[in-house]
Amino acid sequence: MLGLLLRLLPFWGREPLFIVIGSVFGVRIMYLAVRDEAWVPGAIGAAFLLATAVRVHTVVRAVRARRNPAPAVSADGAVSDAVVRSQSQPQGPAGQRPAPAAPRKEPNAWGQAVAAVAVFAALGAALWLGPNLLPSGDNSSPRAPSCPSGEDEELPSAYTGASRAVTGGQLCEALNRTDLARLLGTPTETATVVSGTSDTALLTDGKVARPEAEVRFDTYTVNVSATYNELSIAQYVKLMEFGEETDVKTLSVLGRPAVLSSDPTMSVDLGLGSGGSGGPVGQGPPARTLTVALDGKDPGGYYEITVWSTSGALPDDGALVDIAETVLPAVPEQAV
């Protein structure tokens, strides 16, 4: 349909339109080819620009011909008989010359060209900028999941005794950021699973609040938890030294004592395909954890930011520090 409409346009509307089309698509494809370092799109873009250059040459010749009209010449080079006859007719005495015929009114070539270019420019701008102008609710791109509301969640009694404790939903809101994938070094990924729970620490008989939140991507999974006990980072480091743990590094994050450590995750074989009850619990891929005190005085209690992947690959320690410096200030004030 579009090709038929273009063929029906007059020369001075069609050719400028083709020039605009070739220029826009040629430049766009060449830009994508350079950005992606692909030679096939580059060749296509070059073909668009070459065809556009040919049409520009055609229009330039047509403009020159309109400005400097010449006698019509036949195929053998002879001047048209009509032109010869018009030049050989007697002009008659002065004052009796026939009035010249009114010139035939031709379409305004420049007006046609400007109108065609303006229409296509509007269409091109709509096609080019359309994806960026679509509302965020467009179904063409994956939508990141949201955190659970937690409105009907019944908190354990440990949360009422810890005045500074936040809920898993609040931790989830702080962690589920649009720039979290960029902080992990995978900016094109979108979160696939988001969760937040308000639970208590193991082996504490439900007396220590430990909310946690988790955001899962295709590459990495990030877990943030807060433990409201009396264990300081200094004591935590001594426990790791007592256990002869390796790959431990102490540092300061947000002006608070912190420590980096590594631990393996757990893997469980459920044995669903074999009809059995599942295999034993084993070691999964390694995980890297950044533990940060709740405040600079380190009276007890800490945040833990843990990252792991199913492939076993881990981001560098700087990514965990960046996540802590971005996420922890977003936690509600009662936990700071």
Protein backbone atom coordinates (compact mmCIF):
# COMPACT_ATOMS: atom_id res chain seq x y z
CA MET A 1 0.00 0.00 0.00
CA LEU A 2 2.77 2.43 0.89
CA GLY A 3 4.64 1.62 -2.33
CA LEU A 4 1.50 2.35 -4.40
CA LEU A 5 1.02 5.73 -2.69
CA LEU A 6 4.64 6.64 -3.32
CA ARG A 7 4.33 5.76 -7.02
CA LEU A 8 1.23 7.96 -7.35
CA LEU A 9 3.03 11.01 -5.99
CA PRO A 10 4.38 13.55 -8.52
CA PHE A 11 8.13 13.71 -9.12
CA TRP A 12 8.69 16.71 -6.86
CA GLY A 13 6.90 15.02 -4.02
CA ARG A 14 8.15 11.48 -4.52
CA GLU A 15 11.88 12.04 -4.96
CA PRO A 16 12.45 14.24 -1.86
CA LEU A 17 10.42 11.71 0.09
CA PHE A 18 12.67 8.86 -1.07
CA ILE A 19 15.71 10.97 -0.15
CA VAL A 20 14.42 11.47 3.38
CA ILE A 21 13.57 7.78 3.72
CA GLY A 22 16.98 6.69 2.49
CA SER A 23 18.81 9.20 4.67
CA VAL A 24 16.94 8.34 7.88
CA PHE A 25 17.16 4.57 7.48
CA GLY A 26 20.70 4.65 6.11
CA VAL A 27 22.06 6.73 8.98
CA ARG A 28 20.11 4.72 11.57
CA ILE A 29 21.31 1.36 10.24
CA MET A 30 24.91 2.58 10.00
CA TYR A 31 24.73 3.78 13.61
CA LEU A 32 23.48 0.39 14.78
CA ALA A 33 26.17 -1.36 12.73
CA VAL A 34 28.94 0.72 14.29
CA ARG A 35 27.51 0.26 17.79
CA ASP A 36 27.13 -3.53 17.44
CA GLU A 37 30.27 -3.94 15.28
CA ALA A 38 28.29 -5.87 12.65
CA TRP A 39 29.26 -5.62 8.96
CA VAL A 40 25.99 -6.92 7.45
CA PRO A 41 23.84 -4.01 8.76
CA GLY A 42 26.68 -1.69 7.73
CA ALA A 43 26.43 -2.94 4.13
CA ILE A 44 22.66 -2.46 4.15
CA GLY A 45 23.03 1.07 5.51
CA ALA A 46 25.64 1.88 2.87
CA ALA A 47 23.24 0.64 0.16
CA PHE A 48 20.51 2.96 1.49
CA LEU A 49 22.90 5.92 1.47
CA LEU A 50 24.15 5.09 -2.05
CA ALA A 51 20.60 4.91 -3.42
CA THR A 52 19.86 8.20 -1.69
CA ALA A 53 22.92 9.83 -3.28
CA VAL A 54 21.71 8.72 -6.74
CA ARG A 55 18.29 10.26 -6.13
CA VAL A 56 19.88 13.48 -4.88
CA HIS A 57 21.84 13.67 -8.15
CA THR A 58 18.61 13.12 -10.14
CA VAL A 59 16.80 15.92 -8.30
CA VAL A 60 19.73 18.30 -8.76
CA ARG A 61 19.69 17.68 -12.52
CA ALA A 62 15.93 18.21 -12.64
CA VAL A 63 16.26 21.51 -10.78
CA ARG A 64 18.92 22.72 -13.20
CA ALA A 65 16.77 21.71 -16.18
CA ARG A 66 13.82 23.72 -14.84
CA ARG A 67 16.01 26.79 -14.38
CA ASN A 68 17.64 26.56 -17.85
CA PRO A 69 15.09 25.07 -20.29
CA ALA A 70 16.53 24.06 -23.69
CA PRO A 71 14.80 23.30 -27.02
CA ALA A 72 13.44 19.82 -27.21
CA VAL A 73 15.86 17.52 -29.00
CA SER A 74 14.88 14.33 -30.74
CA ALA A 75 16.70 11.06 -30.46
CA ASP A 76 18.89 11.87 -33.53
CA GLY A 77 19.92 15.26 -32.11
CA ALA A 78 17.54 17.39 -34.30
CA VAL A 79 15.70 20.30 -32.79
CA SER A 80 11.95 19.85 -32.54
CA ASP A 81 9.95 21.03 -35.60
CA ALA A 82 7.54 22.90 -33.35
CA VAL A 83 10.37 24.98 -31.98
CA VAL A 84 11.71 25.69 -35.52
CA ARG A 85 8.28 26.74 -36.80
CA SER A 86 7.68 29.03 -33.88
CA GLN A 87 11.00 30.74 -34.49
CA SER A 88 10.49 31.05 -38.31
CA GLN A 89 6.99 32.61 -38.25
CA PRO A 90 6.89 36.32 -39.17
CA GLN A 91 6.44 38.57 -36.28
CA GLY A 92 4.34 41.16 -38.14
CA PRO A 93 4.54 44.89 -37.79
CA ALA A 94 5.24 46.42 -34.46
CA GLY A 95 2.17 46.83 -32.38
CA GLN A 96 0.31 44.02 -34.21
CA ARG A 97 2.13 41.12 -32.71
CA PRO A 98 -0.21 38.53 -31.27
CA ALA A 99 -0.44 38.51 -27.53
CA PRO A 100 1.67 35.77 -26.03
CA ALA A 101 -0.26 32.80 -24.77
CA ALA A 102 -0.80 32.67 -21.04
CA PRO A 103 1.77 30.38 -19.48
CA ARG A 104 0.44 27.07 -18.29
CA LYS A 105 0.22 27.03 -14.51
CA GLU A 106 2.36 24.23 -13.17
CA PRO A 107 2.23 22.72 -9.71
CA ASN A 108 4.50 24.32 -7.18
CA ALA A 109 7.42 21.89 -7.07
CA TRP A 110 8.92 23.28 -3.88
CA GLY A 111 5.55 23.19 -2.15
CA GLN A 112 5.08 19.52 -3.04
CA ALA A 113 8.57 18.66 -1.86
CA VAL A 114 8.23 20.49 1.45
CA ALA A 115 4.82 18.92 2.15
CA ALA A 116 6.05 15.40 1.38
CA VAL A 117 9.15 15.82 3.51
CA ALA A 118 7.15 17.26 6.42
CA VAL A 119 4.67 14.36 6.38
CA PHE A 120 7.37 11.72 6.27
CA ALA A 121 9.44 13.52 8.90
CA ALA A 122 6.47 13.29 11.27
CA LEU A 123 6.02 9.58 10.50
CA GLY A 124 9.73 8.92 10.89
CA ALA A 125 9.87 10.73 14.22
CA ALA A 126 6.89 8.72 15.47
CA LEU A 127 8.53 5.42 14.46
CA TRP A 128 11.93 6.40 15.85
CA LEU A 129 10.78 7.85 19.17
CA GLY A 130 7.68 5.72 19.63
CA PRO A 131 9.25 3.04 21.91
CA ASN A 132 10.63 5.73 24.22
CA LEU A 133 7.26 7.51 24.45
CA LEU A 134 5.22 4.42 25.34
CA PRO A 135 3.86 4.30 28.89
CA SER A 136 5.65 2.12 31.41
CA GLY A 137 2.74 -0.31 31.41
CA ASP A 138 3.41 -1.41 27.83
CA ASN A 139 3.25 -5.19 27.51
CA SER A 140 6.07 -5.31 24.94
CA SER A 141 8.77 -5.23 27.64
CA PRO A 142 8.99 -7.46 30.71
CA ARG A 143 7.70 -5.88 33.88
CA ALA A 144 9.71 -6.32 37.06
CA PRO A 145 7.73 -8.01 39.85
CA SER A 146 6.76 -5.95 42.85
CA CYS A 147 7.26 -6.65 46.54
CA PRO A 148 4.49 -8.21 48.62
CA SER A 149 2.37 -5.65 50.43
CA GLY A 150 2.54 -7.41 53.80
CA GLU A 151 -0.62 -5.65 54.98
CA ASP A 152 -2.14 -8.83 56.41
CA GLU A 153 1.16 -10.24 57.67
CA GLU A 154 1.20 -11.18 61.34
CA LEU A 155 4.62 -10.34 62.77
CA PRO A 156 6.30 -12.59 65.36
CA SER A 157 6.52 -11.26 68.90
CA ALA A 158 10.26 -10.65 68.43
CA TYR A 159 9.43 -7.65 66.24
CA THR A 160 7.51 -5.89 68.98
CA GLY A 161 10.45 -6.30 71.34
CA ALA A 162 12.93 -4.89 68.82
CA SER A 163 11.98 -1.25 68.36
CA ARG A 164 14.35 -0.84 65.42
CA ALA A 165 13.28 -3.90 63.47
CA VAL A 166 11.87 -3.50 59.99
CA THR A 167 9.76 -6.02 58.12
CA GLY A 168 10.71 -8.16 55.17
CA GLY A 169 8.41 -6.06 52.98
CA GLN A 170 10.31 -2.89 53.89
CA LEU A 171 13.64 -4.56 53.13
CA CYS A 172 12.19 -5.75 49.83
CA GLU A 173 11.16 -2.21 48.86
CA ALA A 174 14.68 -0.99 49.56
CA LEU A 175 16.32 -3.85 47.61
CA ASN A 176 14.01 -4.09 44.60
CA ARG A 177 15.53 -1.13 42.76
CA THR A 178 15.57 -0.41 39.04
CA ASP A 179 19.35 0.02 39.14
CA LEU A 180 20.11 -3.19 41.06
CA ALA A 181 20.97 -5.10 37.87
CA ARG A 182 23.39 -2.34 36.87
CA LEU A 183 25.08 -2.53 40.28
CA LEU A 184 25.57 -6.27 39.69
CA GLY A 185 27.15 -5.63 36.29
CA THR A 186 24.19 -7.02 34.28
CA PRO A 187 22.26 -3.85 33.35
CA THR A 188 20.05 -5.49 30.70
CA GLU A 189 18.46 -8.03 33.06
CA THR A 190 15.09 -7.71 34.77
CA ALA A 191 14.20 -9.27 38.10
CA THR A 192 12.25 -12.51 37.76
CA VAL A 193 11.40 -13.27 41.41
CA VAL A 194 11.02 -10.86 44.32
CA SER A 195 10.16 -11.82 47.90
CA GLY A 196 10.23 -10.50 51.45
CA THR A 197 9.60 -12.35 54.71
CA SER A 198 9.46 -11.32 58.37
CA ASP A 199 10.88 -14.28 60.23
CA THR A 200 13.14 -14.97 63.21
CA ALA A 201 16.75 -16.19 63.41
CA LEU A 202 17.44 -19.91 63.67
CA LEU A 203 18.24 -21.45 67.07
CA THR A 204 16.87 -18.42 68.94
CA ASP A 205 13.47 -19.87 69.89
CA GLY A 206 11.79 -17.07 67.93
CA LYS A 207 13.30 -14.34 70.14
CA VAL A 208 15.52 -12.61 67.52
CA ALA A 209 13.89 -10.81 64.62
CA ARG A 210 15.49 -11.53 61.24
CA PRO A 211 13.59 -10.10 58.25
CA GLU A 212 14.96 -10.75 54.80
CA ALA A 213 14.29 -9.91 51.16
CA GLU A 214 15.46 -11.54 47.95
CA VAL A 215 15.61 -10.44 44.30
CA ARG A 216 16.46 -13.01 41.65
CA PHE A 217 17.80 -12.31 38.16
CA ASP A 218 18.80 -14.70 35.38
CA THR A 219 22.46 -14.36 36.38
CA TYR A 220 22.58 -13.46 40.08
CA THR A 221 20.43 -13.69 43.18
CA VAL A 222 20.68 -11.02 45.90
CA ASN A 223 19.53 -11.58 49.46
CA VAL A 224 19.44 -8.88 52.15
CA SER A 225 18.66 -9.67 55.78
CA ALA A 226 18.79 -7.83 59.11
CA THR A 227 19.54 -9.64 62.36
CA TYR A 228 18.62 -7.81 65.59
CA ASN A 229 20.82 -9.56 68.16
CA GLU A 230 23.66 -8.42 70.39
CA LEU A 231 26.48 -9.79 68.25
CA SER A 232 28.80 -7.02 67.05
CA ILE A 233 30.89 -7.11 63.87
CA ALA A 234 34.06 -7.35 65.97
CA GLN A 235 32.70 -10.47 67.69
CA TYR A 236 31.46 -11.80 64.35
CA VAL A 237 34.99 -11.51 62.90
CA LYS A 238 36.47 -13.33 65.91
CA LEU A 239 34.01 -16.19 65.40
CA MET A 240 35.12 -16.51 61.78
CA GLU A 241 38.77 -16.49 62.83
CA PHE A 242 38.01 -19.16 65.42
CA GLY A 243 36.42 -21.26 62.70
CA GLU A 244 39.50 -20.77 60.51
CA GLU A 245 37.46 -19.33 57.69
CA THR A 246 39.37 -18.02 54.68
CA ASP A 247 38.70 -15.24 52.21
CA VAL A 248 37.67 -12.87 55.02
CA LYS A 249 38.20 -9.15 54.60
CA THR A 250 37.31 -6.39 57.07
CA LEU A 251 36.40 -2.91 55.84
CA SER A 252 34.19 0.11 56.52
CA VAL A 253 30.90 0.73 54.70
CA LEU A 254 28.85 3.89 55.25
CA GLY A 255 31.08 4.64 58.23
CA ARG A 256 30.21 1.32 59.88
CA PRO A 257 32.34 -1.78 60.58
CA ALA A 258 31.84 -4.45 57.93
CA VAL A 259 33.33 -7.77 56.86
CA LEU A 260 33.34 -9.76 53.60
CA SER A 261 33.22 -13.56 53.73
CA SER A 262 32.49 -16.53 51.50
CA ASP A 263 30.31 -19.57 52.18
CA PRO A 264 28.80 -22.29 49.99
CA THR A 265 25.07 -22.37 49.48
CA MET A 266 23.06 -25.54 50.13
CA SER A 267 21.64 -27.80 47.44
CA VAL A 268 18.88 -30.35 47.92
CA ASP A 269 18.02 -33.10 45.43
CA LEU A 270 14.27 -33.60 45.72
CA GLY A 271 14.34 -36.72 43.56
CA LEU A 272 10.97 -35.98 41.96
CA GLY A 273 11.74 -37.89 38.80
CA SER A 274 12.89 -41.11 40.49
CA GLY A 275 9.94 -41.51 42.83
CA GLY A 276 12.21 -41.41 45.89
CA SER A 277 12.13 -39.10 48.87
CA GLY A 278 15.09 -37.04 47.69
CA GLY A 279 18.78 -37.09 48.26
CA PRO A 280 20.89 -35.61 51.04
CA VAL A 281 21.62 -31.93 51.46
CA GLY A 282 24.86 -30.96 49.76
CA GLN A 283 26.94 -27.91 48.97
CA GLY A 284 25.75 -25.60 46.26
CA PRO A 285 27.60 -22.83 44.41
CA PRO A 286 29.64 -20.37 46.48
CA ALA A 287 28.11 -17.18 47.83
CA ARG A 288 29.78 -13.91 48.82
CA THR A 289 28.40 -12.04 51.86
CA LEU A 290 28.95 -8.48 53.06
CA THR A 291 28.01 -8.06 56.74
CA VAL A 292 27.52 -4.44 57.91
CA ALA A 293 26.79 -3.21 61.44
CA LEU A 294 23.43 -1.57 62.06
CA ASP A 295 25.24 1.68 62.96
CA GLY A 296 28.73 3.08 63.37
CA LYS A 297 28.97 2.34 67.10
CA ASP A 298 28.55 -1.41 66.44
CA PRO A 299 26.50 -2.17 69.57
CA GLY A 300 25.15 -5.40 68.08
CA GLY A 301 23.04 -6.50 65.15
CA TYR A 302 23.92 -6.36 61.47
CA TYR A 303 22.79 -6.44 57.87
CA GLU A 304 23.89 -9.22 55.52
CA ILE A 305 24.00 -8.77 51.74
CA THR A 306 24.61 -12.09 49.99
CA VAL A 307 25.06 -12.68 46.26
CA TRP A 308 25.32 -16.00 44.41
CA SER A 309 24.61 -17.57 41.03
CA THR A 310 23.75 -21.08 39.85
CA SER A 311 26.85 -21.08 37.63
CA GLY A 312 29.13 -20.35 40.57
CA ALA A 313 30.30 -17.01 39.14
CA LEU A 314 30.34 -14.05 41.52
CA PRO A 315 30.59 -10.29 40.99
CA ASP A 316 33.60 -8.53 42.44
CA ASP A 317 33.52 -7.27 46.03
CA GLY A 318 33.04 -3.71 44.80
CA ALA A 319 29.56 -4.68 43.56
CA LEU A 320 28.51 -5.77 47.07
CA VAL A 321 29.84 -2.53 48.54
CA ASP A 322 27.92 -0.53 45.91
CA ILE A 323 24.73 -2.44 46.71
CA ALA A 324 25.17 -1.80 50.44
CA GLU A 325 25.84 1.91 49.93
CA THR A 326 22.76 2.18 47.71
CA VAL A 327 20.25 -0.11 49.46
CA LEU A 328 20.95 0.42 53.17
CA PRO A 329 20.26 4.21 53.16
CA ALA A 330 16.86 3.35 51.63
CA VAL A 331 15.88 1.19 54.61
CA PRO A 332 13.36 3.00 56.85
CA GLU A 333 14.82 5.25 59.55
CA GLN A 334 13.87 3.02 62.46
CA ALA A 335 16.46 0.50 61.25
CA VAL A 336 19.33 2.94 60.71
